[in-house]
Amino acid sequence: MIIDGVKSLMGAKVESWNDHRIAMALTIAGIKTFGSIRIDGAEAVRKSYPGFFEDVRALGGRVDIYTDPLIPLRSEISAIDESIVELLEKRFEVIEEIAEIKQKKWNDHTRFKTRRGASEQIKGACKRL
């Protein structure tokens, strides 16, 4: 392999895709950037080389760890996913309840009173969504 390099790169926001190898390669490339490079997902480096950023600093590289308060850390994502799953399960339960009420409404051909009662049940279930 032959690589004809460039004198410098322009800083940018880049994504490591949570791959420790890409994050480390981007960090090394960042040493030759004109301007800052922000590597999203750089914490993936901890998988294989926890002291990588300290070593880059020791060799003269400038590394600032940045965390965006609006973006959850990887450790927080599982808790967020869990709460989303719980919410979706609750919504599916209500949707199933509505489907059962509608099925009963269609199967029950008695009178208008029964249909009106089913509509009120559906409205009550929808309010819980």
C-alpha atoms as a PDB file:
ATOM      1  CA  MET A   1       0.000   0.000   0.000  1.00  0.00           C
ATOM      2  CA  ILE A   2       1.290   3.449  -0.865  1.00  0.00           C
ATOM      3  CA  ILE A   3      -0.294   6.515   0.643  1.00  0.00           C
ATOM      4  CA  ASP A   4       0.539   9.987  -0.635  1.00  0.00           C
ATOM      5  CA  GLY A   5      -0.386  12.120   2.343  1.00  0.00           C
ATOM      6  CA  VAL A   6      -1.317  15.765   2.539  1.00  0.00           C
ATOM      7  CA  LYS A   7       0.369  18.480   4.592  1.00  0.00           C
ATOM      8  CA  SER A   8      -2.696  19.091   6.715  1.00  0.00           C
ATOM      9  CA  LEU A   9      -6.388  18.330   7.056  1.00  0.00           C
ATOM     10  CA  MET A  10      -9.283  20.635   7.840  1.00  0.00           C
ATOM     11  CA  GLY A  11     -10.919  20.231  11.227  1.00  0.00           C
ATOM     12  CA  ALA A  12     -14.432  18.827  11.273  1.00  0.00           C
ATOM     13  CA  LYS A  13     -16.994  16.921  13.277  1.00  0.00           C
ATOM     14  CA  VAL A  14     -16.584  13.224  12.512  1.00  0.00           C
ATOM     15  CA  GLU A  15     -18.173  10.000  13.732  1.00  0.00           C
ATOM     16  CA  SER A  16     -16.277   6.941  14.939  1.00  0.00           C
ATOM     17  CA  TRP A  17     -19.412   4.759  14.754  1.00  0.00           C
ATOM     18  CA  ASN A  18     -18.441   3.499  18.232  1.00  0.00           C
ATOM     19  CA  ASP A  19     -15.428   1.731  16.678  1.00  0.00           C
ATOM     20  CA  HIS A  20     -12.298   2.096  18.821  1.00  0.00           C
ATOM     21  CA  ARG A  21      -9.983   1.656  15.837  1.00  0.00           C
ATOM     22  CA  ILE A  22     -11.620   4.432  13.853  1.00  0.00           C
ATOM     23  CA  ALA A  23     -11.618   6.732  16.898  1.00  0.00           C
ATOM     24  CA  MET A  24      -7.881   6.195  17.419  1.00  0.00           C
ATOM     25  CA  ALA A  25      -7.105   6.689  13.716  1.00  0.00           C
ATOM     26  CA  LEU A  26      -9.124   9.907  13.647  1.00  0.00           C
ATOM     27  CA  THR A  27      -7.301  11.122  16.758  1.00  0.00           C
ATOM     28  CA  ILE A  28      -3.922  10.577  15.087  1.00  0.00           C
ATOM     29  CA  ALA A  29      -5.177  12.271  11.905  1.00  0.00           C
ATOM     30  CA  GLY A  30      -6.404  15.127  14.114  1.00  0.00           C
ATOM     31  CA  ILE A  31      -2.823  15.942  15.069  1.00  0.00           C
ATOM     32  CA  LYS A  32      -2.325  17.267  11.531  1.00  0.00           C
ATOM     33  CA  THR A  33      -5.604  19.185  11.270  1.00  0.00           C
ATOM     34  CA  PHE A  34      -5.960  22.882  10.765  1.00  0.00           C
ATOM     35  CA  GLY A  35      -8.672  23.662  13.302  1.00  0.00           C
ATOM     36  CA  SER A  36     -10.375  21.347  15.763  1.00  0.00           C
ATOM     37  CA  ILE A  37     -11.651  17.874  15.073  1.00  0.00           C
ATOM     38  CA  ARG A  38     -14.562  16.574  17.126  1.00  0.00           C
ATOM     39  CA  ILE A  39     -14.861  12.801  17.229  1.00  0.00           C
ATOM     40  CA  ASP A  40     -18.303  11.598  18.256  1.00  0.00           C
ATOM     41  CA  GLY A  41     -18.162   8.181  19.888  1.00  0.00           C
ATOM     42  CA  ALA A  42     -14.483   8.530  20.855  1.00  0.00           C
ATOM     43  CA  GLU A  43     -15.210   6.866  24.205  1.00  0.00           C
ATOM     44  CA  ALA A  44     -15.109   3.571  22.289  1.00  0.00           C
ATOM     45  CA  VAL A  45     -11.312   3.707  22.670  1.00  0.00           C
ATOM     46  CA  ARG A  46     -11.786   2.441  26.236  1.00  0.00           C
ATOM     47  CA  LYS A  47     -12.581  -0.997  24.765  1.00  0.00           C
ATOM     48  CA  SER A  48      -9.007  -1.711  23.777  1.00  0.00           C
ATOM     49  CA  TYR A  49      -6.746   1.106  25.006  1.00  0.00           C
ATOM     50  CA  PRO A  50      -8.166   2.960  28.023  1.00  0.00           C
ATOM     51  CA  GLY A  51      -5.074   5.159  28.414  1.00  0.00           C
ATOM     52  CA  PHE A  52      -4.898   6.173  24.749  1.00  0.00           C
ATOM     53  CA  PHE A  53      -5.844   9.835  25.183  1.00  0.00           C
ATOM     54  CA  GLU A  54      -3.472  10.270  28.124  1.00  0.00           C
ATOM     55  CA  ASP A  55      -0.665   8.837  25.960  1.00  0.00           C
ATOM     56  CA  VAL A  56      -1.554  11.210  23.101  1.00  0.00           C
ATOM     57  CA  ARG A  57      -1.361  14.113  25.582  1.00  0.00           C
ATOM     58  CA  ALA A  58       1.986  12.833  26.900  1.00  0.00           C
ATOM     59  CA  LEU A  59       3.328  12.908  23.326  1.00  0.00           C
ATOM     60  CA  GLY A  60       2.251  16.530  22.931  1.00  0.00           C
ATOM     61  CA  GLY A  61      -1.204  16.118  21.439  1.00  0.00           C
ATOM     62  CA  ARG A  62      -4.057  18.283  22.709  1.00  0.00           C
ATOM     63  CA  VAL A  63      -7.108  16.231  23.606  1.00  0.00           C
ATOM     64  CA  ASP A  64     -10.179  17.719  25.260  1.00  0.00           C
ATOM     65  CA  ILE A  65     -12.915  15.335  26.311  1.00  0.00           C
ATOM     66  CA  TYR A  66     -16.258  16.855  25.430  1.00  0.00           C
ATOM     67  CA  THR A  67     -19.640  15.597  26.515  1.00  0.00           C
ATOM     68  CA  ASP A  68     -22.807  17.136  25.181  1.00  0.00           C
ATOM     69  CA  PRO A  69     -25.422  17.361  27.972  1.00  0.00           C
ATOM     70  CA  LEU A  70     -28.170  16.804  25.404  1.00  0.00           C
ATOM     71  CA  ILE A  71     -26.639  13.559  24.122  1.00  0.00           C
ATOM     72  CA  PRO A  72     -26.820  10.685  26.614  1.00  0.00           C
ATOM     73  CA  LEU A  73     -23.688   8.721  27.418  1.00  0.00           C
ATOM     74  CA  ARG A  74     -23.586   5.138  26.129  1.00  0.00           C
ATOM     75  CA  SER A  75     -24.178   3.875  29.681  1.00  0.00           C
ATOM     76  CA  GLU A  76     -27.399   5.917  29.884  1.00  0.00           C
ATOM     77  CA  ILE A  77     -28.814   4.664  26.596  1.00  0.00           C
ATOM     78  CA  SER A  78     -29.881   1.288  27.974  1.00  0.00           C
ATOM     79  CA  ALA A  79     -31.962   3.010  30.684  1.00  0.00           C
ATOM     80  CA  ILE A  80     -33.531   5.265  28.044  1.00  0.00           C
ATOM     81  CA  ASP A  81     -34.260   2.264  25.814  1.00  0.00           C
ATOM     82  CA  GLU A  82     -35.885   0.487  28.740  1.00  0.00           C
ATOM     83  CA  SER A  83     -38.234   3.389  29.445  1.00  0.00           C
ATOM     84  CA  ILE A  84     -39.147   3.645  25.749  1.00  0.00           C
ATOM     85  CA  VAL A  85     -39.935  -0.079  25.666  1.00  0.00           C
ATOM     86  CA  GLU A  86     -42.142   0.276  28.745  1.00  0.00           C
ATOM     87  CA  LEU A  87     -43.996   3.185  27.145  1.00  0.00           C
ATOM     88  CA  LEU A  88     -44.487   1.274  23.890  1.00  0.00           C
ATOM     89  CA  GLU A  89     -45.719  -1.807  25.753  1.00  0.00           C
ATOM     90  CA  LYS A  90     -48.293   0.327  27.560  1.00  0.00           C
ATOM     91  CA  ARG A  91     -49.446   1.844  24.269  1.00  0.00           C
ATOM     92  CA  PHE A  92     -49.729  -1.577  22.646  1.00  0.00           C
ATOM     93  CA  GLU A  93     -51.831  -2.811  25.574  1.00  0.00           C
ATOM     94  CA  VAL A  94     -54.222   0.107  25.070  1.00  0.00           C
ATOM     95  CA  ILE A  95     -54.303  -0.505  21.294  1.00  0.00           C
ATOM     96  CA  GLU A  96     -55.106  -4.188  21.916  1.00  0.00           C
ATOM     97  CA  GLU A  97     -57.880  -3.135  24.305  1.00  0.00           C
ATOM     98  CA  ILE A  98     -59.320  -0.843  21.630  1.00  0.00           C
ATOM     99  CA  ALA A  99     -59.132  -3.651  19.057  1.00  0.00           C
ATOM    100  CA  GLU A 100     -61.004  -5.996  21.430  1.00  0.00           C
ATOM    101  CA  ILE A 101     -63.704  -3.372  22.038  1.00  0.00           C
ATOM    102  CA  LYS A 102     -64.094  -2.776  18.284  1.00  0.00           C
ATOM    103  CA  GLN A 103     -64.274  -6.512  17.642  1.00  0.00           C
ATOM    104  CA  LYS A 104     -66.967  -6.857  20.292  1.00  0.00           C
ATOM    105  CA  LYS A 105     -68.796  -3.886  18.784  1.00  0.00           C
ATOM    106  CA  TRP A 106     -68.817  -5.473  15.348  1.00  0.00           C
ATOM    107  CA  ASN A 107     -69.719  -8.922  16.652  1.00  0.00           C
ATOM    108  CA  ASP A 108     -72.503  -7.623  18.826  1.00  0.00           C
ATOM    109  CA  HIS A 109     -75.434  -6.791  16.564  1.00  0.00           C
ATOM    110  CA  THR A 110     -77.952  -6.179  19.310  1.00  0.00           C
ATOM    111  CA  ARG A 111     -78.809  -2.460  19.456  1.00  0.00           C
ATOM    112  CA  PHE A 112     -77.509   1.113  19.265  1.00  0.00           C
ATOM    113  CA  LYS A 113     -77.072   1.236  23.063  1.00  0.00           C
ATOM    114  CA  THR A 114     -74.316  -1.406  22.969  1.00  0.00           C
ATOM    115  CA  ARG A 115     -72.530   0.405  20.125  1.00  0.00           C
ATOM    116  CA  ARG A 116     -72.697   3.694  22.015  1.00  0.00           C
ATOM    117  CA  GLY A 117     -71.229   2.021  25.106  1.00  0.00           C
ATOM    118  CA  ALA A 118     -68.361   0.609  23.023  1.00  0.00           C
ATOM    119  CA  SER A 119     -67.621   4.058  21.592  1.00  0.00           C
ATOM    120  CA  GLU A 120     -67.393   5.478  25.106  1.00  0.00           C
ATOM    121  CA  GLN A 121     -65.022   2.663  26.096  1.00  0.00           C
ATOM    122  CA  ILE A 122     -62.810   3.435  23.081  1.00  0.00           C
ATOM    123  CA  LYS A 123     -62.730   7.144  23.955  1.00  0.00           C
ATOM    124  CA  GLY A 124     -61.718   6.267  27.528  1.00  0.00           C
ATOM    125  CA  ALA A 125     -58.929   4.005  26.284  1.00  0.00           C
ATOM    126  CA  CYS A 126     -57.673   6.679  23.862  1.00  0.00           C
ATOM    127  CA  LYS A 127     -57.383   9.189  26.692  1.00  0.00           C
ATOM    128  CA  ARG A 128     -54.837   6.881  28.326  1.00  0.00           C
ATOM    129  CA  LEU A 129     -52.609   7.044  25.222  1.00  0.00           C
END
